[in-house]
């Protein structure tokens, strides 16, 4: 049986039971989306390394569109937006990262750096405390 025919039959739920087949297809789609999101993150990291922060933020947004629960993409996007001078958007993204993953040490560290740059020392110290707490 060809790959495409098997995929079509799986999608219709005609192969191996409806629930199991749909679950398998969903898993494959999720894995492919996460892999593509990681590629956008890599691309964003390259652009950020070249000080192309707005372009980097766009790549991180693409990653988020494919994997909306990527704390890493939100954190990196927040850092890029901060470097681009988009303070409000930066803080929203950085806070979203730690909301998605409350034990994300790197996210708290980036949030702390951002808050420190905004002269919000007490908040920055709290973020750094959490970064240290969750550090592996």
C-alpha atoms as a PDB file:
ATOM      1  CA  UNK A   1       0.000   0.000   0.000  1.00  0.00           C
ATOM      2  CA  UNK A   2       1.397   3.414  -0.875  1.00  0.00           C
ATOM      3  CA  UNK A   3       2.281   5.906   1.828  1.00  0.00           C
ATOM      4  CA  UNK A   4      -0.351   8.404   0.677  1.00  0.00           C
ATOM      5  CA  UNK A   5      -3.106   5.802   0.493  1.00  0.00           C
ATOM      6  CA  UNK A   6      -2.196   4.559   3.974  1.00  0.00           C
ATOM      7  CA  UNK A   7      -2.211   8.133   5.292  1.00  0.00           C
ATOM      8  CA  UNK A   8      -5.573   8.775   3.673  1.00  0.00           C
ATOM      9  CA  UNK A   9      -7.050   5.593   5.136  1.00  0.00           C
ATOM     10  CA  UNK A  10      -5.603   6.413   8.542  1.00  0.00           C
ATOM     11  CA  UNK A  11      -7.128   9.850   8.341  1.00  0.00           C
ATOM     12  CA  UNK A  12     -10.511   8.377   7.544  1.00  0.00           C
ATOM     13  CA  UNK A  13     -10.127   5.950  10.400  1.00  0.00           C
ATOM     14  CA  UNK A  14     -10.441   2.885   8.185  1.00  0.00           C
ATOM     15  CA  UNK A  15      -7.175   1.287   9.234  1.00  0.00           C
ATOM     16  CA  UNK A  16      -6.761  -0.130  12.734  1.00  0.00           C
ATOM     17  CA  UNK A  17      -9.747   1.522  14.356  1.00  0.00           C
ATOM     18  CA  UNK A  18     -10.947   5.084  14.185  1.00  0.00           C
ATOM     19  CA  UNK A  19      -9.625   6.446  17.494  1.00  0.00           C
ATOM     20  CA  UNK A  20      -6.183   4.832  17.270  1.00  0.00           C
ATOM     21  CA  UNK A  21      -5.664   5.914  13.676  1.00  0.00           C
ATOM     22  CA  UNK A  22      -6.669   9.485  14.363  1.00  0.00           C
ATOM     23  CA  UNK A  23      -4.374   9.559  17.372  1.00  0.00           C
ATOM     24  CA  UNK A  24      -1.453   8.295  15.270  1.00  0.00           C
ATOM     25  CA  UNK A  25      -2.066  10.913  12.591  1.00  0.00           C
ATOM     26  CA  UNK A  26      -2.332  13.637  15.250  1.00  0.00           C
ATOM     27  CA  UNK A  27       0.950  12.510  16.805  1.00  0.00           C
ATOM     28  CA  UNK A  28       2.738  12.626  13.442  1.00  0.00           C
ATOM     29  CA  UNK A  29       1.377  16.093  12.662  1.00  0.00           C
ATOM     30  CA  UNK A  30       2.355  17.348  16.143  1.00  0.00           C
ATOM     31  CA  UNK A  31       5.893  15.961  15.778  1.00  0.00           C
ATOM     32  CA  UNK A  32       6.330  17.542  12.346  1.00  0.00           C
ATOM     33  CA  UNK A  33       5.040  20.890  13.617  1.00  0.00           C
ATOM     34  CA  UNK A  34       7.417  20.834  16.578  1.00  0.00           C
ATOM     35  CA  UNK A  35      10.353  19.978  14.317  1.00  0.00           C
ATOM     36  CA  UNK A  36       9.486  22.868  11.998  1.00  0.00           C
ATOM     37  CA  UNK A  37       9.120  25.184  15.007  1.00  0.00           C
ATOM     38  CA  UNK A  38      12.637  24.245  16.141  1.00  0.00           C
ATOM     39  CA  UNK A  39      13.957  25.189  12.706  1.00  0.00           C
ATOM     40  CA  UNK A  40      12.332  28.627  13.019  1.00  0.00           C
ATOM     41  CA  UNK A  41      13.908  28.990  16.460  1.00  0.00           C
ATOM     42  CA  UNK A  42      17.338  28.149  14.996  1.00  0.00           C
ATOM     43  CA  UNK A  43      16.801  30.678  12.236  1.00  0.00           C
ATOM     44  CA  UNK A  44      15.751  33.303  14.784  1.00  0.00           C
ATOM     45  CA  UNK A  45      18.846  32.589  16.857  1.00  0.00           C
ATOM     46  CA  UNK A  46      21.062  33.157  13.828  1.00  0.00           C
ATOM     47  CA  UNK A  47      19.323  36.453  13.050  1.00  0.00           C
ATOM     48  CA  UNK A  48      19.541  37.571  16.692  1.00  0.00           C
ATOM     49  CA  UNK A  49      23.257  36.755  16.623  1.00  0.00           C
ATOM     50  CA  UNK A  50      23.542  39.139  13.668  1.00  0.00           C
ATOM     51  CA  UNK A  51      21.663  41.846  15.641  1.00  0.00           C
ATOM     52  CA  UNK A  52      18.637  41.534  13.312  1.00  0.00           C
ATOM     53  CA  UNK A  53      16.233  41.515  16.231  1.00  0.00           C
ATOM     54  CA  UNK A  54      12.957  42.301  14.461  1.00  0.00           C
ATOM     55  CA  UNK A  55      13.625  39.614  11.864  1.00  0.00           C
ATOM     56  CA  UNK A  56      14.529  37.208  14.665  1.00  0.00           C
ATOM     57  CA  UNK A  57      11.249  38.014  16.442  1.00  0.00           C
ATOM     58  CA  UNK A  58       9.379  37.177  13.226  1.00  0.00           C
ATOM     59  CA  UNK A  59      11.045  33.749  13.105  1.00  0.00           C
ATOM     60  CA  UNK A  60      10.117  33.129  16.742  1.00  0.00           C
ATOM     61  CA  UNK A  61       6.515  34.128  15.945  1.00  0.00           C
ATOM     62  CA  UNK A  62       6.484  31.513  13.184  1.00  0.00           C
ATOM     63  CA  UNK A  63       7.718  28.929  15.685  1.00  0.00           C
ATOM     64  CA  UNK A  64       4.952  29.914  18.094  1.00  0.00           C
ATOM     65  CA  UNK A  65       2.331  29.602  15.358  1.00  0.00           C
ATOM     66  CA  UNK A  66       3.396  25.968  14.942  1.00  0.00           C
ATOM     67  CA  UNK A  67       3.986  25.221  18.625  1.00  0.00           C
ATOM     68  CA  UNK A  68       1.959  27.629  20.783  1.00  0.00           C
ATOM     69  CA  UNK A  69       3.284  26.047  23.980  1.00  0.00           C
ATOM     70  CA  UNK A  70       6.944  26.693  23.219  1.00  0.00           C
ATOM     71  CA  UNK A  71       8.208  28.567  26.257  1.00  0.00           C
ATOM     72  CA  UNK A  72      11.613  28.742  24.573  1.00  0.00           C
ATOM     73  CA  UNK A  73      10.214  30.546  21.515  1.00  0.00           C
ATOM     74  CA  UNK A  74       8.329  33.066  23.683  1.00  0.00           C
ATOM     75  CA  UNK A  75      11.406  33.732  25.808  1.00  0.00           C
ATOM     76  CA  UNK A  76      13.687  34.208  22.826  1.00  0.00           C
ATOM     77  CA  UNK A  77      11.095  36.383  21.096  1.00  0.00           C
ATOM     78  CA  UNK A  78      10.814  38.525  24.225  1.00  0.00           C
ATOM     79  CA  UNK A  79      14.573  39.001  24.348  1.00  0.00           C
ATOM     80  CA  UNK A  80      14.694  39.928  20.649  1.00  0.00           C
ATOM     81  CA  UNK A  81      11.807  42.367  21.044  1.00  0.00           C
ATOM     82  CA  UNK A  82      13.558  43.978  24.021  1.00  0.00           C
ATOM     83  CA  UNK A  83      16.687  44.462  21.919  1.00  0.00           C
ATOM     84  CA  UNK A  84      14.495  45.968  19.173  1.00  0.00           C
ATOM     85  CA  UNK A  85      13.091  48.462  21.700  1.00  0.00           C
ATOM     86  CA  UNK A  86       9.592  46.984  21.802  1.00  0.00           C
ATOM     87  CA  UNK A  87       9.346  47.008  25.584  1.00  0.00           C
ATOM     88  CA  UNK A  88       5.650  46.208  26.072  1.00  0.00           C
ATOM     89  CA  UNK A  89       5.650  43.314  23.610  1.00  0.00           C
ATOM     90  CA  UNK A  90       8.920  42.038  25.058  1.00  0.00           C
ATOM     91  CA  UNK A  91       7.584  41.874  28.595  1.00  0.00           C
ATOM     92  CA  UNK A  92       4.387  40.158  27.446  1.00  0.00           C
ATOM     93  CA  UNK A  93       6.365  37.473  25.611  1.00  0.00           C
ATOM     94  CA  UNK A  94       8.809  36.938  28.482  1.00  0.00           C
ATOM     95  CA  UNK A  95       5.982  36.583  30.986  1.00  0.00           C
ATOM     96  CA  UNK A  96       4.112  34.229  28.648  1.00  0.00           C
ATOM     97  CA  UNK A  97       7.188  31.970  28.537  1.00  0.00           C
ATOM     98  CA  UNK A  98       7.206  31.448  32.297  1.00  0.00           C
ATOM     99  CA  UNK A  99       3.414  31.174  32.402  1.00  0.00           C
ATOM    100  CA  UNK A 100       3.577  28.283  29.926  1.00  0.00           C
ATOM    101  CA  UNK A 101       6.414  26.609  31.819  1.00  0.00           C
ATOM    102  CA  UNK A 102       6.525  27.801  35.445  1.00  0.00           C
ATOM    103  CA  UNK A 103       9.795  25.958  36.166  1.00  0.00           C
ATOM    104  CA  UNK A 104      11.644  27.429  33.157  1.00  0.00           C
ATOM    105  CA  UNK A 105      14.889  28.717  34.676  1.00  0.00           C
ATOM    106  CA  UNK A 106      16.170  30.259  31.453  1.00  0.00           C
ATOM    107  CA  UNK A 107      12.865  32.064  30.967  1.00  0.00           C
ATOM    108  CA  UNK A 108      13.084  33.614  34.426  1.00  0.00           C
ATOM    109  CA  UNK A 109      16.698  34.584  33.753  1.00  0.00           C
ATOM    110  CA  UNK A 110      15.751  36.414  30.527  1.00  0.00           C
ATOM    111  CA  UNK A 111      12.804  38.041  32.297  1.00  0.00           C
ATOM    112  CA  UNK A 112      15.172  39.166  35.053  1.00  0.00           C
ATOM    113  CA  UNK A 113      17.588  40.701  32.565  1.00  0.00           C
ATOM    114  CA  UNK A 114      14.717  42.535  30.894  1.00  0.00           C
ATOM    115  CA  UNK A 115      13.337  43.851  34.193  1.00  0.00           C
ATOM    116  CA  UNK A 116      16.817  44.929  35.257  1.00  0.00           C
ATOM    117  CA  UNK A 117      17.205  46.863  31.993  1.00  0.00           C
ATOM    118  CA  UNK A 118      13.943  48.640  32.842  1.00  0.00           C
ATOM    119  CA  UNK A 119      15.302  49.617  36.290  1.00  0.00           C
ATOM    120  CA  UNK A 120      12.765  47.365  38.026  1.00  0.00           C
ATOM    121  CA  UNK A 121      15.277  45.879  40.448  1.00  0.00           C
ATOM    122  CA  UNK A 122      12.915  44.230  42.945  1.00  0.00           C
ATOM    123  CA  UNK A 123      11.052  42.389  40.197  1.00  0.00           C
ATOM    124  CA  UNK A 124      14.326  41.494  38.491  1.00  0.00           C
ATOM    125  CA  UNK A 125      15.725  40.012  41.703  1.00  0.00           C
ATOM    126  CA  UNK A 126      12.593  37.903  42.144  1.00  0.00           C
ATOM    127  CA  UNK A 127      12.942  36.592  38.578  1.00  0.00           C
ATOM    128  CA  UNK A 128      16.624  35.807  39.178  1.00  0.00           C
ATOM    129  CA  UNK A 129      15.698  34.020  42.423  1.00  0.00           C
ATOM    130  CA  UNK A 130      13.260  31.814  40.503  1.00  0.00           C
ATOM    131  CA  UNK A 131      15.837  31.202  37.772  1.00  0.00           C
ATOM    132  CA  UNK A 132      18.270  29.969  40.412  1.00  0.00           C
ATOM    133  CA  UNK A 133      15.572  27.890  42.108  1.00  0.00           C
ATOM    134  CA  UNK A 134      14.661  26.049  38.890  1.00  0.00           C
ATOM    135  CA  UNK A 135      18.191  25.783  37.506  1.00  0.00           C
ATOM    136  CA  UNK A 136      19.163  22.194  36.719  1.00  0.00           C
END
